[in-house]
Each structure stands twice: as structure tokens, then as C-alpha cells.
Protein backbone atom coordinates (compact mmCIF):
# COMPACT_ATOMS: atom_id res chain seq x y z
CA UNK A 1 6.42 15.18 10.43
CA UNK A 2 6.79 18.31 8.44
CA UNK A 3 4.42 18.95 4.95
CA UNK A 4 8.28 19.25 3.33
CA UNK A 5 9.38 15.59 4.40
CA UNK A 6 9.32 12.92 1.82
CA UNK A 7 6.66 10.21 2.83
CA UNK A 8 7.87 6.63 2.65
CA UNK A 9 5.44 3.76 1.78
CA UNK A 10 4.24 1.81 5.04
CA UNK A 11 5.47 4.73 7.13
CA UNK A 12 3.06 6.33 9.62
CA UNK A 13 2.12 10.13 8.94
CA UNK A 14 1.49 11.71 12.56
CA UNK A 15 -1.50 13.97 12.42
CA UNK A 16 -4.56 14.98 14.52
CA UNK A 17 -7.76 14.46 12.58
CA UNK A 18 -10.80 12.63 12.62
CA UNK A 19 -9.34 9.46 10.32
CA UNK A 20 -6.17 9.03 12.53
CA UNK A 21 -8.58 9.49 15.72
CA UNK A 22 -10.61 6.37 13.95
CA UNK A 23 -10.44 2.64 15.72
CA UNK A 24 -8.00 0.51 13.73
CA UNK A 25 -10.37 -2.39 13.61
CA UNK A 26 -12.55 0.06 11.82
CA UNK A 27 -10.30 1.58 9.37
CA UNK A 28 -8.55 -2.05 8.49
CA UNK A 29 -12.23 -3.18 7.84
CA UNK A 30 -13.06 -0.42 5.75
CA UNK A 31 -10.01 -0.35 3.65
CA UNK A 32 -11.52 -3.69 2.48
CA UNK A 33 -14.73 -1.88 1.68
CA UNK A 34 -12.60 0.66 -0.09
CA UNK A 35 -10.83 -1.68 -2.29
CA UNK A 36 -14.47 -3.27 -2.79
CA UNK A 37 -15.89 0.03 -4.14
CA UNK A 38 -12.70 1.06 -6.45
CA UNK A 39 -13.02 -2.60 -7.99
CA UNK A 40 -16.92 -2.08 -8.21
CA UNK A 41 -16.27 0.59 -10.96
CA UNK A 42 -16.91 -0.49 -14.32
CA UNK A 43 -17.12 3.02 -15.97
CA UNK A 44 -14.63 5.74 -16.03
CA UNK A 45 -17.38 8.12 -14.47
CA UNK A 46 -17.40 5.23 -11.36
CA UNK A 47 -13.75 5.47 -11.18
CA UNK A 48 -13.57 9.50 -11.34
CA UNK A 49 -16.32 9.35 -8.46
CA UNK A 50 -14.18 6.71 -6.59
CA UNK A 51 -11.07 9.43 -6.87
CA UNK A 52 -13.00 12.20 -5.84
CA UNK A 53 -13.96 10.40 -2.87
CA UNK A 54 -10.23 9.13 -1.94
CA UNK A 55 -8.90 12.54 -2.65
CA UNK A 56 -11.94 13.50 0.15
CA UNK A 57 -10.46 10.96 2.69
CA UNK A 58 -7.09 12.41 2.10
CA UNK A 59 -8.27 15.51 2.53
CA UNK A 60 -9.92 14.11 6.01
CA UNK A 61 -6.94 12.86 7.24
CA UNK A 62 -4.90 16.10 6.93
CA UNK A 63 -2.82 14.07 4.69
CA UNK A 64 -0.99 16.17 1.37
CA UNK A 65 -1.87 13.93 -1.74
CA UNK A 66 1.49 14.83 -3.45
CA UNK A 67 3.37 13.45 -0.56
CA UNK A 68 1.15 10.02 -0.57
CA UNK A 69 1.85 9.76 -4.82
CA UNK A 70 5.49 10.32 -3.69
CA UNK A 71 5.35 7.45 -1.32
CA UNK A 72 4.17 5.13 -3.94
CA UNK A 73 7.09 5.57 -6.01
CA UNK A 74 8.43 2.16 -5.62
CA UNK A 75 4.96 0.69 -6.53
CA UNK A 76 4.35 2.71 -9.70
CA UNK A 77 6.54 0.20 -11.62
CA UNK A 78 3.45 -2.27 -10.80
CA UNK A 79 1.07 -0.10 -12.31
CA UNK A 80 3.35 0.82 -15.47
CA UNK A 81 4.05 -2.87 -16.15
CA UNK A 82 -0.03 -3.66 -15.62
CA UNK A 83 -0.68 -0.94 -18.47
CA UNK A 84 1.95 -2.10 -20.39
CA UNK A 85 0.24 -5.70 -20.87
CA UNK A 86 -3.07 -4.19 -21.34
CA UNK A 87 -1.48 -2.53 -24.01
CA UNK A 88 -0.14 -5.49 -25.94
CA UNK A 89 -2.70 -8.27 -24.96
CA UNK A 90 -6.20 -6.44 -25.28
CA UNK A 91 -6.64 -5.79 -28.85
CA UNK A 92 -10.00 -4.18 -31.14
CA UNK A 93 -10.93 -0.97 -32.42
CA UNK A 94 -8.82 1.29 -34.08
CA UNK A 95 -5.08 -0.32 -34.74
CA UNK A 96 -2.50 2.48 -34.03
CA UNK A 97 0.51 0.52 -34.60
CA UNK A 98 1.58 -3.09 -35.71
CA UNK A 99 4.84 -5.00 -35.70
CA UNK A 100 4.85 -8.65 -35.58
CA UNK A 101 2.89 -10.06 -33.16
CA UNK A 102 3.08 -6.46 -31.13
CA UNK A 103 -0.45 -4.25 -32.28
CA UNK A 104 -1.41 -1.69 -30.28
CA UNK A 105 -4.95 -1.19 -30.30
CA UNK A 106 -7.79 1.86 -29.58
CA UNK A 107 -9.18 -0.77 -26.83
CA UNK A 108 -5.82 -1.61 -25.68
CA UNK A 109 -4.75 1.61 -25.12
CA UNK A 110 -8.09 2.37 -23.32
CA UNK A 111 -8.14 -0.62 -21.22
CA UNK A 112 -4.33 0.11 -19.96
CA UNK A 113 -5.52 3.72 -18.99
CA UNK A 114 -8.77 2.77 -16.88
CA UNK A 115 -6.78 -0.35 -15.43
CA UNK A 116 -3.78 1.66 -14.41
CA UNK A 117 -6.00 4.26 -13.11
CA UNK A 118 -7.84 1.69 -10.77
CA UNK A 119 -4.61 0.01 -9.79
CA UNK A 120 -3.08 3.55 -8.66
CA UNK A 121 -5.90 4.41 -6.65
CA UNK A 122 -6.27 0.92 -5.21
CA UNK A 123 -2.50 1.77 -3.73
CA UNK A 124 -3.40 5.11 -2.89
CA UNK A 125 -6.59 3.90 -0.89
CA UNK A 126 -4.40 1.16 1.18
CA UNK A 127 -1.75 3.72 1.48
CA UNK A 128 -4.35 5.74 3.81
CA UNK A 129 -4.12 3.09 6.46
CA UNK A 130 -0.47 2.51 7.27
CA UNK A 131 -0.55 6.60 6.98
CA UNK A 132 -2.97 6.98 9.41
CA UNK A 133 -2.30 3.86 11.54
CA UNK A 134 0.42 3.08 13.57
CA UNK A 135 2.42 -0.26 13.19
CA UNK A 136 1.05 -1.39 16.80
CA UNK A 137 -2.41 -0.31 16.15
CA UNK A 138 -2.50 -1.95 13.18
CA UNK A 139 -1.06 -5.16 14.45
CA UNK A 140 -3.66 -4.93 17.26
CA UNK A 141 -6.61 -4.48 14.96
CA UNK A 142 -5.67 -7.73 12.97
CA UNK A 143 -5.19 -9.84 16.05
CA UNK A 144 -8.84 -8.53 17.80
CA UNK A 145 -10.32 -9.45 14.30
CA UNK A 146 -8.86 -12.90 14.34
CA UNK A 147 -9.20 -13.20 17.55
CA UNK A 148 -12.96 -15.38 17.23
CA UNK A 149 -10.77 -17.90 14.59
CA UNK A 150 -8.12 -18.65 17.45
CA UNK A 151 -10.74 -21.28 18.68
CA UNK A 152 -10.06 -22.93 15.56
CA UNK A 153 -6.44 -23.05 15.96
CA UNK A 154 -5.67 -20.12 13.90
CA UNK A 155 -2.57 -18.21 15.28
CA UNK A 156 -3.87 -14.90 15.71
CA UNK A 157 -0.86 -13.23 17.23
CA UNK A 158 1.52 -14.62 15.39
CA UNK A 159 -0.14 -13.49 12.19
CA UNK A 160 -0.38 -9.96 13.68
CA UNK A 161 3.21 -10.13 14.37
CA UNK A 162 4.34 -10.82 11.48
CA UNK A 163 2.40 -8.66 9.91
CA UNK A 164 3.70 -5.80 12.04
CA UNK A 165 7.15 -6.56 11.58
CA UNK A 166 6.73 -6.66 7.65
CA UNK A 167 5.14 -3.28 7.72
CA UNK A 168 7.69 -2.09 10.68
CA UNK A 169 10.67 -3.42 8.22
CA UNK A 170 9.07 -2.09 4.60
CA UNK A 171 9.89 1.73 4.98
CA UNK A 172 13.22 0.73 7.26
CA UNK A 173 14.27 -1.24 3.82
CA UNK A 174 13.54 1.30 1.30
CA UNK A 175 15.71 3.65 3.66
CA UNK A 176 18.62 1.24 3.76
CA UNK A 177 18.28 0.64 -0.19
CA UNK A 178 18.92 4.49 -0.57
CA UNK A 179 21.47 4.25 1.79
CA UNK A 180 22.98 1.26 -0.09
CA UNK A 181 22.14 2.85 -3.61
CA UNK A 182 24.31 5.88 -2.45
CA UNK A 183 27.22 4.13 -1.14
CA UNK A 184 28.02 1.85 -4.13
CA UNK A 185 27.94 5.16 -6.34
CA UNK A 186 30.13 6.28 -4.14
CA UNK A 187 32.51 3.54 -4.95
CA UNK A 188 32.28 3.95 -8.29
CA UNK A 189 29.27 1.83 -9.65
CA UNK A 190 27.51 2.49 -12.69
CA UNK A 191 23.87 1.94 -11.97
CA UNK A 192 22.96 3.59 -15.44
CA UNK A 193 24.96 1.68 -17.29
CA UNK A 194 23.18 -1.12 -20.39
CA UNK A 195 21.21 -3.62 -18.43
CA UNK A 196 21.33 -6.20 -20.85
CA UNK A 197 25.44 -6.17 -20.35
CA UNK A 198 26.01 -5.60 -16.39
CA UNK A 199 22.41 -5.78 -15.20
CA UNK A 200 23.33 -8.86 -12.92
CA UNK A 201 25.91 -7.30 -11.23
CA UNK A 202 24.28 -4.01 -11.12
CA UNK A 203 21.36 -5.88 -9.34
CA UNK A 204 23.68 -7.96 -6.95
CA UNK A 205 25.43 -4.35 -5.94
CA UNK A 206 22.11 -3.70 -4.58
CA UNK A 207 20.68 -6.56 -3.27
CA UNK A 208 23.41 -8.82 -1.53
CA UNK A 209 24.15 -5.95 0.96
CA UNK A 210 20.15 -5.45 1.34
CA UNK A 211 19.48 -9.13 2.42
CA UNK A 212 22.63 -9.11 4.49
CA UNK A 213 21.19 -6.22 6.21
CA UNK A 214 17.87 -7.98 6.16
CA UNK A 215 19.56 -10.56 7.84
CA UNK A 216 20.98 -8.67 10.71
CA UNK A 217 17.95 -7.06 11.68
CA UNK A 218 15.99 -10.42 11.79
CA UNK A 219 18.73 -11.72 14.61
CA UNK A 220 18.93 -8.34 16.59
CA UNK A 221 15.09 -8.85 16.53
CA UNK A 222 15.44 -12.36 17.29
CA UNK A 223 17.99 -11.42 20.26
CA UNK A 224 15.40 -8.50 21.92
CA UNK A 225 12.58 -10.36 21.63
CA UNK A 226 14.62 -13.38 23.77
CA UNK A 227 16.17 -11.00 25.72
CA UNK A 228 12.70 -9.35 27.12
CA UNK A 229 11.64 -13.42 27.54
CA UNK A 230 8.43 -12.95 24.75
CA UNK A 231 6.14 -15.71 25.26
CA UNK A 232 3.27 -14.87 22.58
CA UNK A 233 0.07 -13.18 23.45
CA UNK A 234 -0.68 -14.82 26.75
CA UNK A 235 -1.54 -12.22 29.25
CA UNK A 236 -0.80 -9.32 27.11
CA UNK A 237 -2.54 -6.11 28.00
CA UNK A 238 -2.95 -3.08 26.08
CA UNK A 239 -2.14 1.10 27.41
CA UNK A 240 -4.90 2.58 25.01
CA UNK A 241 -7.65 -0.34 24.72
CA UNK A 242 -9.75 -0.30 21.17
CA UNK A 243 -12.74 1.48 21.29
CA UNK A 244 -15.32 1.90 18.41
CA UNK A 245 -16.39 5.89 18.23
CA UNK A 246 -18.77 8.19 16.64
CA UNK A 247 -16.03 8.59 14.70
CA UNK A 248 -15.83 5.18 13.50
CA UNK A 249 -19.60 5.46 12.71
CA UNK A 250 -18.86 8.75 10.21
CA UNK A 251 -15.99 6.90 8.55
CA UNK A 252 -18.16 4.17 7.81
CA UNK A 253 -21.00 5.80 6.79
CA UNK A 254 -18.79 7.56 4.41
CA UNK A 255 -17.28 4.67 2.91
CA UNK A 256 -20.44 3.02 2.57
CA UNK A 257 -21.85 6.30 0.58
CA UNK A 258 -19.00 6.17 -1.70
CA UNK A 259 -19.61 2.41 -2.13
CA UNK A 260 -23.20 3.30 -3.23
CA UNK A 261 -22.59 6.49 -4.91
CA UNK A 262 -19.71 4.52 -7.44
CA UNK A 263 -22.22 1.65 -8.11
CA UNK A 264 -24.64 3.91 -9.06
CA UNK A 265 -22.19 5.96 -11.27
CA UNK A 266 -21.94 2.67 -13.29
CA UNK A 267 -25.10 2.98 -15.20
CA UNK A 268 -24.58 6.73 -16.03
CA UNK A 269 -24.33 6.42 -20.05
CA UNK A 270 -21.03 7.72 -21.28
């Protein structure tokens, strides 16, 4: 994939890097540790340390950071909504604006910025997993990690298959949403109108074709699995078996150093 190409959330970014070559099981578990490290950041200094490590991980993966940020575009609305809720509901310190029940204070803004940055780093860190790991590898890793629970009746293979299908269809639906949007605009639809007047109609013009496309893809996938005599994970083998290497040890050490550094940074006086 060329640098100028636009990445889509959930889409694999092919590259020859140490992070790409890691075992998907290690990357899956280390992604959870990375999330824990970001959650452990309780001060702006600690959050800045976590951000530096995440930027370093993207550098090791040879993925342009701006491309990764652009891939998170549809999820930025979650960050903005969370920040807005903190502005409105967290009170304290100097009051900058007050009108009725709406009050914007110093602590509200500080909390909004901090929580927004933390959520953004979480999304960026988890996006590194999907950008550096193919859907098949993520599915295999998830299934292998859940394999010990199969004796308890947990359908490890089926859950892994569901995860793989969800990850595979996410970028495809994002692409189709863009196609549907452009098609509706070419037919005269106006999506920049007042949302309070025609919001439901505009939403219907996008969602109805998108859901119809989703059901069509689901039916095609079901027919394809039946034609290939799919019968679950019994007896299945892999062309490339999963193996832990020195790269996984290096990645584990890097993430653990990140966790320890973030925790230590919490004690630095601000």
C-alpha cells in the first residue's frame, strides 16, 4: 500500500516491519496491556509518556501516523462526544460560561481534554493491531487463546470466526457507505440540510441501502461457506503455524517498559 493511499479503520496495512512479523497472539495480548498502560496514566505527564511510546510503536511498524489518525476518522465523533459530556457534567474551578443548567468550568475543560486524549490514544493503540495483523491471523490468535476454554463448552472457533467476519466487513461497509453517499448525492439528495427538518429522511437514504447491502453480503457469505462444506474448526490445519520468536520477546519487553514508565510518571509532580 502506497503512503499516499488512505487507510480505513480495520484495514490491514502491508509492510515489512518487526511489528508485522510478531506472532498475532502476542500482539493481541500486548494490545490489552497497552490499553491498561493508557488507563494507568492519571496525569498529563504520564499520558504524554504513553503517547510517545505509541508514536514509537507506529514508527517501528513503519506506518505513517497521519494515515492511522485518518483511519480513525469515523470514531473521532466518540472522542468528541465524550469530551463534550465531560465539559458539561464536570464542574469545579473558575467558571467560564454559565447559562441555565449549562456551566462550563475550568475543571470541566481540563477533564474533557484529558479524557479525550486518553480515548484517542486507546483507539490509536488498538488500531495498531488491525493495521499490522491480517484478519485471518487475528482470528487464529483469538481462537488459539480461547482454546483452553473449549473444554468448558466455550465455542472458541465460532467466536473467532465471528470476530474475523466483523473485522473483515468493517472496512468494506465503510467503503460502501462512501459509495452510497456519493450515489445519493448524484441523485439530488442534500445531506447538508437542516438535520432537525430532514434528518431522519437523510439517515434513511444512507442506512436502508447499507443494511440491504449487509444482508446481501451475509447471504452470499453463507452460501459460499455451505458450498465449501464448512463444518467448523474440527480437523483444520494452518499453512503457517503460529510460533513465538525473539520479536515477540522484544515487543513484550517494550510494552512492559511502557507500562512501568507510565506508572512511574504518575508520581512526577506537575
